[in-house]
């Protein structure tokens, strides 16, 4: 991942992406995107049509990404579990990322599980980065104390 580009690159992926909360599959697609950015594990984005949107509610707040624009956050309630601010999306991303408008990305440490082609992903340390670490990605990764400004 140290050879990932800066600015980040958006790539379509046909890998199967699955997210679970409270014992329920809340997202399942083979029509996703991944964002590749230097020093970060890929962040995967799932089309809204491949998520159970009835389980999502606004978590409030926004953040700004210099590459993608303004993000909004989503809490997921499923199977008796409340996953606070577990997902984010860009309603109006900048032109280079227009393909992921309204797609959802998930923090692996805030949901029960995120999977890429059946592999249970690991989360990046800390609570800022939402990258999905799989066996195909080599670190070190941003996230631990002292790595924010690498």
Foldseek 3Di string as FASTA:
>chain_A
DQPADPVKAKDWAQWWKWFAALNDTFFTGSGWIWITDHQAAIWIWGAPVRGNCVQKDWLDDWDADPQWGIKTFIWGAPNNDIQHRFKIAACCTPPNPRVRHVTITGQQVRGPFIDTNRFTFDGAAADPDRHTHDPVDDHDHPHPPPRPVD
